[in-house]
Amino acid sequence: MQGGADNAMIRRYALASGVIFSIVAALHLLRVIFGWELRVGPIDIGLSISIVAVVVLAPLAVRAWAIFISLKK
């Protein structure tokens, strides 16, 4: 592949990653803010899981968006 094609592929990957990480991080943050309960079958998922998810996913989203923006067309 040529440099331009590689950049286009990385840019699409960064865009997809940024969107997914941002949406999931935002949903977990909303869950923490509003205290939404989450139950998977008989198991209650604590808010601490969402706090950890936000701490992990938010920087991943920021980094993905930074890569997307840095690779201009």
PDB file of N, CA and C in Angstrom:
ATOM      1  N   MET A   1       0.825  -1.181   0.000  1.00  0.00           N
ATOM      2  CA  MET A   1       0.000   0.000   0.000  1.00  0.00           C
ATOM      3  C   MET A   1       0.873   1.250   0.000  1.00  0.00           C
ATOM      4  N   GLN A   2       0.338   2.285  -0.543  1.00  0.00           N
ATOM      5  CA  GLN A   2       1.047   3.544  -0.558  1.00  0.00           C
ATOM      6  C   GLN A   2       0.743   4.322   0.713  1.00  0.00           C
ATOM      7  N   GLY A   3       1.542   5.363   0.981  1.00  0.00           N
ATOM      8  CA  GLY A   3       1.375   6.164   2.187  1.00  0.00           C
ATOM      9  C   GLY A   3      -0.014   6.759   2.310  1.00  0.00           C
ATOM     10  N   GLY A   4      -0.568   7.260   1.217  1.00  0.00           N
ATOM     11  CA  GLY A   4      -1.904   7.859   1.246  1.00  0.00           C
ATOM     12  C   GLY A   4      -2.985   6.843   1.577  1.00  0.00           C
ATOM     13  N   ALA A   5      -2.846   5.652   1.013  1.00  0.00           N
ATOM     14  CA  ALA A   5      -3.830   4.598   1.287  1.00  0.00           C
ATOM     15  C   ALA A   5      -3.728   4.139   2.735  1.00  0.00           C
ATOM     16  N   ASP A   6      -2.500   4.062   3.246  1.00  0.00           N
ATOM     17  CA  ASP A   6      -2.320   3.691   4.656  1.00  0.00           C
ATOM     18  C   ASP A   6      -2.952   4.732   5.570  1.00  0.00           C
ATOM     19  N   ASN A   7      -2.720   6.014   5.271  1.00  0.00           N
ATOM     20  CA  ASN A   7      -3.299   7.079   6.082  1.00  0.00           C
ATOM     21  C   ASN A   7      -4.821   7.038   6.056  1.00  0.00           C
ATOM     22  N   ALA A   8      -5.387   6.761   4.892  1.00  0.00           N
ATOM     23  CA  ALA A   8      -6.843   6.699   4.783  1.00  0.00           C
ATOM     24  C   ALA A   8      -7.401   5.552   5.618  1.00  0.00           C
ATOM     25  N   MET A   9      -6.718   4.429   5.600  1.00  0.00           N
ATOM     26  CA  MET A   9      -7.180   3.279   6.378  1.00  0.00           C
ATOM     27  C   MET A   9      -7.050   3.558   7.880  1.00  0.00           C
ATOM     28  N   ILE A  10      -5.934   4.139   8.290  1.00  0.00           N
ATOM     29  CA  ILE A  10      -5.744   4.469   9.704  1.00  0.00           C
ATOM     30  C   ILE A  10      -6.758   5.517  10.137  1.00  0.00           C
ATOM     31  N   ARG A  11      -7.033   6.480   9.268  1.00  0.00           N
ATOM     32  CA  ARG A  11      -8.009   7.532   9.570  1.00  0.00           C
ATOM     33  C   ARG A  11      -9.408   6.931   9.776  1.00  0.00           C
ATOM     34  N   ARG A  12      -9.808   5.989   8.929  1.00  0.00           N
ATOM     35  CA  ARG A  12     -11.119   5.337   9.094  1.00  0.00           C
ATOM     36  C   ARG A  12     -11.169   4.538  10.389  1.00  0.00           C
ATOM     37  N   TYR A  13     -10.072   3.841  10.699  1.00  0.00           N
ATOM     38  CA  TYR A  13      -9.994   3.069  11.934  1.00  0.00           C
ATOM     39  C   TYR A  13     -10.086   3.991  13.153  1.00  0.00           C
ATOM     40  N   ALA A  14      -9.359   5.105  13.116  1.00  0.00           N
ATOM     41  CA  ALA A  14      -9.390   6.066  14.228  1.00  0.00           C
ATOM     42  C   ALA A  14     -10.781   6.669  14.380  1.00  0.00           C
ATOM     43  N   LEU A  15     -11.451   6.946  13.277  1.00  0.00           N
ATOM     44  CA  LEU A  15     -12.810   7.488  13.337  1.00  0.00           C
ATOM     45  C   LEU A  15     -13.762   6.491  13.987  1.00  0.00           C
ATOM     46  N   ALA A  16     -13.711   5.245  13.536  1.00  0.00           N
ATOM     47  CA  ALA A  16     -14.587   4.212  14.109  1.00  0.00           C
ATOM     48  C   ALA A  16     -14.287   4.015  15.593  1.00  0.00           C
ATOM     49  N   SER A  17     -13.011   3.962  15.941  1.00  0.00           N
ATOM     50  CA  SER A  17     -12.631   3.786  17.348  1.00  0.00           C
ATOM     51  C   SER A  17     -13.083   4.970  18.182  1.00  0.00           C
ATOM     52  N   GLY A  18     -12.877   6.170  17.670  1.00  0.00           N
ATOM     53  CA  GLY A  18     -13.276   7.372  18.402  1.00  0.00           C
ATOM     54  C   GLY A  18     -14.766   7.419  18.656  1.00  0.00           C
ATOM     55  N   VAL A  19     -15.549   7.072  17.655  1.00  0.00           N
ATOM     56  CA  VAL A  19     -17.008   7.088  17.815  1.00  0.00           C
ATOM     57  C   VAL A  19     -17.443   6.046  18.838  1.00  0.00           C
ATOM     58  N   ILE A  20     -16.949   4.829  18.712  1.00  0.00           N
ATOM     59  CA  ILE A  20     -17.365   3.753  19.625  1.00  0.00           C
ATOM     60  C   ILE A  20     -16.925   4.040  21.054  1.00  0.00           C
ATOM     61  N   PHE A  21     -15.646   4.400  21.248  1.00  0.00           N
ATOM     62  CA  PHE A  21     -15.158   4.684  22.598  1.00  0.00           C
ATOM     63  C   PHE A  21     -15.893   5.868  23.214  1.00  0.00           C
ATOM     64  N   SER A  22     -16.179   6.901  22.405  1.00  0.00           N
ATOM     65  CA  SER A  22     -16.881   8.078  22.919  1.00  0.00           C
ATOM     66  C   SER A  22     -18.296   7.747  23.362  1.00  0.00           C
ATOM     67  N   ILE A  23     -18.998   6.983  22.559  1.00  0.00           N
ATOM     68  CA  ILE A  23     -20.384   6.631  22.899  1.00  0.00           C
ATOM     69  C   ILE A  23     -20.427   5.776  24.165  1.00  0.00           C
ATOM     70  N   VAL A  24     -19.586   4.771  24.235  1.00  0.00           N
ATOM     71  CA  VAL A  24     -19.594   3.882  25.401  1.00  0.00           C
ATOM     72  C   VAL A  24     -19.160   4.638  26.659  1.00  0.00           C
ATOM     73  N   ALA A  25     -18.137   5.485  26.545  1.00  0.00           N
ATOM     74  CA  ALA A  25     -17.692   6.274  27.699  1.00  0.00           C
ATOM     75  C   ALA A  25     -18.789   7.230  28.148  1.00  0.00           C
ATOM     76  N   ALA A  26     -19.475   7.870  27.195  1.00  0.00           N
ATOM     77  CA  ALA A  26     -20.553   8.798  27.540  1.00  0.00           C
ATOM     78  C   ALA A  26     -21.699   8.076  28.243  1.00  0.00           C
ATOM     79  N   LEU A  27     -22.047   6.898  27.769  1.00  0.00           N
ATOM     80  CA  LEU A  27     -23.128   6.134  28.412  1.00  0.00           C
ATOM     81  C   LEU A  27     -22.746   5.728  29.831  1.00  0.00           C
ATOM     82  N   HIS A  28     -21.515   5.316  30.029  1.00  0.00           N
ATOM     83  CA  HIS A  28     -21.072   4.964  31.383  1.00  0.00           C
ATOM     84  C   HIS A  28     -21.043   6.198  32.284  1.00  0.00           C
ATOM     85  N   LEU A  29     -20.608   7.338  31.743  1.00  0.00           N
ATOM     86  CA  LEU A  29     -20.601   8.566  32.532  1.00  0.00           C
ATOM     87  C   LEU A  29     -22.022   8.977  32.920  1.00  0.00           C
ATOM     88  N   LEU A  30     -22.949   8.862  31.988  1.00  0.00           N
ATOM     89  CA  LEU A  30     -24.353   9.158  32.292  1.00  0.00           C
ATOM     90  C   LEU A  30     -24.891   8.213  33.362  1.00  0.00           C
ATOM     91  N   ARG A  31     -24.483   6.970  33.295  1.00  0.00           N
ATOM     92  CA  ARG A  31     -24.917   5.999  34.300  1.00  0.00           C
ATOM     93  C   ARG A  31     -24.420   6.407  35.684  1.00  0.00           C
ATOM     94  N   VAL A  32     -23.185   6.862  35.764  1.00  0.00           N
ATOM     95  CA  VAL A  32     -22.628   7.292  37.047  1.00  0.00           C
ATOM     96  C   VAL A  32     -23.344   8.551  37.539  1.00  0.00           C
ATOM     97  N   ILE A  33     -23.536   9.521  36.648  1.00  0.00           N
ATOM     98  CA  ILE A  33     -24.164  10.791  37.037  1.00  0.00           C
ATOM     99  C   ILE A  33     -25.590  10.579  37.537  1.00  0.00           C
ATOM    100  N   PHE A  34     -26.362   9.794  36.813  1.00  0.00           N
ATOM    101  CA  PHE A  34     -27.775   9.618  37.158  1.00  0.00           C
ATOM    102  C   PHE A  34     -28.036   8.412  38.053  1.00  0.00           C
ATOM    103  N   GLY A  35     -27.009   7.626  38.343  1.00  0.00           N
ATOM    104  CA  GLY A  35     -27.168   6.486  39.235  1.00  0.00           C
ATOM    105  C   GLY A  35     -28.019   5.367  38.659  1.00  0.00           C
ATOM    106  N   TRP A  36     -27.985   5.230  37.343  1.00  0.00           N
ATOM    107  CA  TRP A  36     -28.761   4.177  36.701  1.00  0.00           C
ATOM    108  C   TRP A  36     -28.291   2.810  37.162  1.00  0.00           C
ATOM    109  N   GLU A  37     -29.234   1.948  37.454  1.00  0.00           N
ATOM    110  CA  GLU A  37     -28.898   0.576  37.843  1.00  0.00           C
ATOM    111  C   GLU A  37     -28.704  -0.268  36.592  1.00  0.00           C
ATOM    112  N   LEU A  38     -27.835  -1.249  36.710  1.00  0.00           N
ATOM    113  CA  LEU A  38     -27.599  -2.170  35.603  1.00  0.00           C
ATOM    114  C   LEU A  38     -27.591  -3.581  36.153  1.00  0.00           C
ATOM    115  N   ARG A  39     -28.406  -4.403  35.560  1.00  0.00           N
ATOM    116  CA  ARG A  39     -28.496  -5.789  35.984  1.00  0.00           C
ATOM    117  C   ARG A  39     -28.365  -6.678  34.749  1.00  0.00           C
ATOM    118  N   VAL A  40     -27.469  -7.633  34.848  1.00  0.00           N
ATOM    119  CA  VAL A  40     -27.297  -8.622  33.781  1.00  0.00           C
ATOM    120  C   VAL A  40     -27.723  -9.950  34.376  1.00  0.00           C
ATOM    121  N   GLY A  41     -28.900 -10.380  33.976  1.00  0.00           N
ATOM    122  CA  GLY A  41     -29.471 -11.590  34.586  1.00  0.00           C
ATOM    123  C   GLY A  41     -29.659 -11.340  36.074  1.00  0.00           C
ATOM    124  N   PRO A  42     -29.175 -12.232  36.910  1.00  0.00           N
ATOM    125  CA  PRO A  42     -29.337 -12.048  38.358  1.00  0.00           C
ATOM    126  C   PRO A  42     -28.233 -11.199  38.995  1.00  0.00           C
ATOM    127  N   ILE A  43     -27.287 -10.720  38.185  1.00  0.00           N
ATOM    128  CA  ILE A  43     -26.122 -10.022  38.730  1.00  0.00           C
ATOM    129  C   ILE A  43     -26.299  -8.511  38.596  1.00  0.00           C
ATOM    130  N   ASP A  44     -26.144  -7.796  39.722  1.00  0.00           N
ATOM    131  CA  ASP A  44     -26.138  -6.334  39.709  1.00  0.00           C
ATOM    132  C   ASP A  44     -24.719  -5.856  39.411  1.00  0.00           C
ATOM    133  N   ILE A  45     -24.607  -4.944  38.448  1.00  0.00           N
ATOM    134  CA  ILE A  45     -23.312  -4.383  38.076  1.00  0.00           C
ATOM    135  C   ILE A  45     -23.164  -3.053  38.815  1.00  0.00           C
ATOM    136  N   GLY A  46     -22.153  -2.959  39.647  1.00  0.00           N
ATOM    137  CA  GLY A  46     -21.953  -1.766  40.462  1.00  0.00           C
ATOM    138  C   GLY A  46     -21.509  -0.556  39.655  1.00  0.00           C
ATOM    139  N   LEU A  47     -21.703   0.631  40.237  1.00  0.00           N
ATOM    140  CA  LEU A  47     -21.285   1.865  39.584  1.00  0.00           C
ATOM    141  C   LEU A  47     -19.766   1.952  39.453  1.00  0.00           C
ATOM    142  N   SER A  48     -19.043   1.236  40.304  1.00  0.00           N
ATOM    143  CA  SER A  48     -17.588   1.278  40.220  1.00  0.00           C
ATOM    144  C   SER A  48     -17.088   0.743  38.875  1.00  0.00           C
ATOM    145  N   ILE A  49     -17.817  -0.188  38.296  1.00  0.00           N
ATOM    146  CA  ILE A  49     -17.449  -0.711  36.974  1.00  0.00           C
ATOM    147  C   ILE A  49     -17.552   0.406  35.937  1.00  0.00           C
ATOM    148  N   SER A  50     -18.593   1.215  36.033  1.00  0.00           N
ATOM    149  CA  SER A  50     -18.757   2.317  35.086  1.00  0.00           C
ATOM    150  C   SER A  50     -17.706   3.396  35.300  1.00  0.00           C
ATOM    151  N   ILE A  51     -17.316   3.625  36.540  1.00  0.00           N
ATOM    152  CA  ILE A  51     -16.259   4.604  36.808  1.00  0.00           C
ATOM    153  C   ILE A  51     -14.954   4.144  36.164  1.00  0.00           C
ATOM    154  N   VAL A  52     -14.624   2.888  36.335  1.00  0.00           N
ATOM    155  CA  VAL A  52     -13.413   2.335  35.710  1.00  0.00           C
ATOM    156  C   VAL A  52     -13.528   2.416  34.190  1.00  0.00           C
ATOM    157  N   ALA A  53     -14.698   2.121  33.663  1.00  0.00           N
ATOM    158  CA  ALA A  53     -14.893   2.167  32.209  1.00  0.00           C
ATOM    159  C   ALA A  53     -14.662   3.578  31.674  1.00  0.00           C
ATOM    160  N   VAL A  54     -15.163   4.586  32.375  1.00  0.00           N
ATOM    161  CA  VAL A  54     -14.958   5.969  31.931  1.00  0.00           C
ATOM    162  C   VAL A  54     -13.478   6.326  31.978  1.00  0.00           C
ATOM    163  N   VAL A  55     -12.798   5.930  33.050  1.00  0.00           N
ATOM    164  CA  VAL A  55     -11.374   6.244  33.200  1.00  0.00           C
ATOM    165  C   VAL A  55     -10.548   5.574  32.098  1.00  0.00           C
ATOM    166  N   VAL A  56     -10.945   4.401  31.675  1.00  0.00           N
ATOM    167  CA  VAL A  56     -10.208   3.683  30.626  1.00  0.00           C
ATOM    168  C   VAL A  56     -10.616   4.159  29.227  1.00  0.00           C
ATOM    169  N   LEU A  57     -11.909   4.318  28.990  1.00  0.00           N
ATOM    170  CA  LEU A  57     -12.392   4.604  27.640  1.00  0.00           C
ATOM    171  C   LEU A  57     -12.220   6.054  27.208  1.00  0.00           C
ATOM    172  N   ALA A  58     -12.341   6.994  28.128  1.00  0.00           N
ATOM    173  CA  ALA A  58     -12.230   8.409  27.747  1.00  0.00           C
ATOM    174  C   ALA A  58     -10.854   8.727  27.134  1.00  0.00           C
ATOM    175  N   PRO A  59      -9.742   8.312  27.752  1.00  0.00           N
ATOM    176  CA  PRO A  59      -8.447   8.580  27.101  1.00  0.00           C
ATOM    177  C   PRO A  59      -8.286   7.861  25.754  1.00  0.00           C
ATOM    178  N   LEU A  60      -8.862   6.675  25.640  1.00  0.00           N
ATOM    179  CA  LEU A  60      -8.803   5.973  24.349  1.00  0.00           C
ATOM    180  C   LEU A  60      -9.560   6.755  23.285  1.00  0.00           C
ATOM    181  N   ALA A  61     -10.704   7.304  23.651  1.00  0.00           N
ATOM    182  CA  ALA A  61     -11.485   8.107  22.704  1.00  0.00           C
ATOM    183  C   ALA A  61     -10.723   9.371  22.309  1.00  0.00           C
ATOM    184  N   VAL A  62     -10.141  10.037  23.293  1.00  0.00           N
ATOM    185  CA  VAL A  62      -9.373  11.256  23.011  1.00  0.00           C
ATOM    186  C   VAL A  62      -8.210  10.942  22.075  1.00  0.00           C
ATOM    187  N   ARG A  63      -7.519   9.878  22.329  1.00  0.00           N
ATOM    188  CA  ARG A  63      -6.369   9.503  21.489  1.00  0.00           C
ATOM    189  C   ARG A  63      -6.822   9.154  20.064  1.00  0.00           C
ATOM    190  N   ALA A  64      -7.923   8.441  19.945  1.00  0.00           N
ATOM    191  CA  ALA A  64      -8.437   8.088  18.617  1.00  0.00           C
ATOM    192  C   ALA A  64      -8.810   9.350  17.834  1.00  0.00           C
ATOM    193  N   TRP A  65      -9.477  10.301  18.499  1.00  0.00           N
ATOM    194  CA  TRP A  65      -9.836  11.547  17.825  1.00  0.00           C
ATOM    195  C   TRP A  65      -8.586  12.345  17.456  1.00  0.00           C
ATOM    196  N   ALA A  66      -7.571  12.325  18.316  1.00  0.00           N
ATOM    197  CA  ALA A  66      -6.329  13.047  18.015  1.00  0.00           C
ATOM    198  C   ALA A  66      -5.644  12.458  16.777  1.00  0.00           C
ATOM    199  N   ILE A  67      -5.647  11.149  16.672  1.00  0.00           N
ATOM    200  CA  ILE A  67      -5.060  10.497  15.479  1.00  0.00           C
ATOM    201  C   ILE A  67      -5.870  10.849  14.245  1.00  0.00           C
ATOM    202  N   PHE A  68      -7.202  10.794  14.366  1.00  0.00           N
ATOM    203  CA  PHE A  68      -8.077  11.103  13.246  1.00  0.00           C
ATOM    204  C   PHE A  68      -7.814  12.522  12.739  1.00  0.00           C
ATOM    205  N   ILE A  69      -7.711  13.469  13.678  1.00  0.00           N
ATOM    206  CA  ILE A  69      -7.504  14.870  13.286  1.00  0.00           C
ATOM    207  C   ILE A  69      -6.105  15.080  12.724  1.00  0.00           C
ATOM    208  N   SER A  70      -5.111  14.394  13.274  1.00  0.00           N
ATOM    209  CA  SER A  70      -3.735  14.605  12.812  1.00  0.00           C
ATOM    210  C   SER A  70      -3.473  14.076  11.411  1.00  0.00           C
ATOM    211  N   LEU A  71      -4.261  13.115  10.960  1.00  0.00           N
ATOM    212  CA  LEU A  71      -4.087  12.549   9.629  1.00  0.00           C
ATOM    213  C   LEU A  71      -5.052  13.222   8.658  1.00  0.00           C
ATOM    214  N   LYS A  72      -4.747  14.425   8.308  1.00  0.00           N
ATOM    215  CA  LYS A  72      -5.610  15.167   7.387  1.00  0.00           C
ATOM    216  C   LYS A  72      -5.543  14.534   6.005  1.00  0.00           C
ATOM    217  N   LYS A  73      -6.612  14.714   5.268  1.00  0.00           N
ATOM    218  CA  LYS A  73      -6.683  14.133   3.923  1.00  0.00           C
ATOM    219  C   LYS A  73      -5.646  14.698   3.017  1.00  0.00           C
TER     220      LYS A  73
END
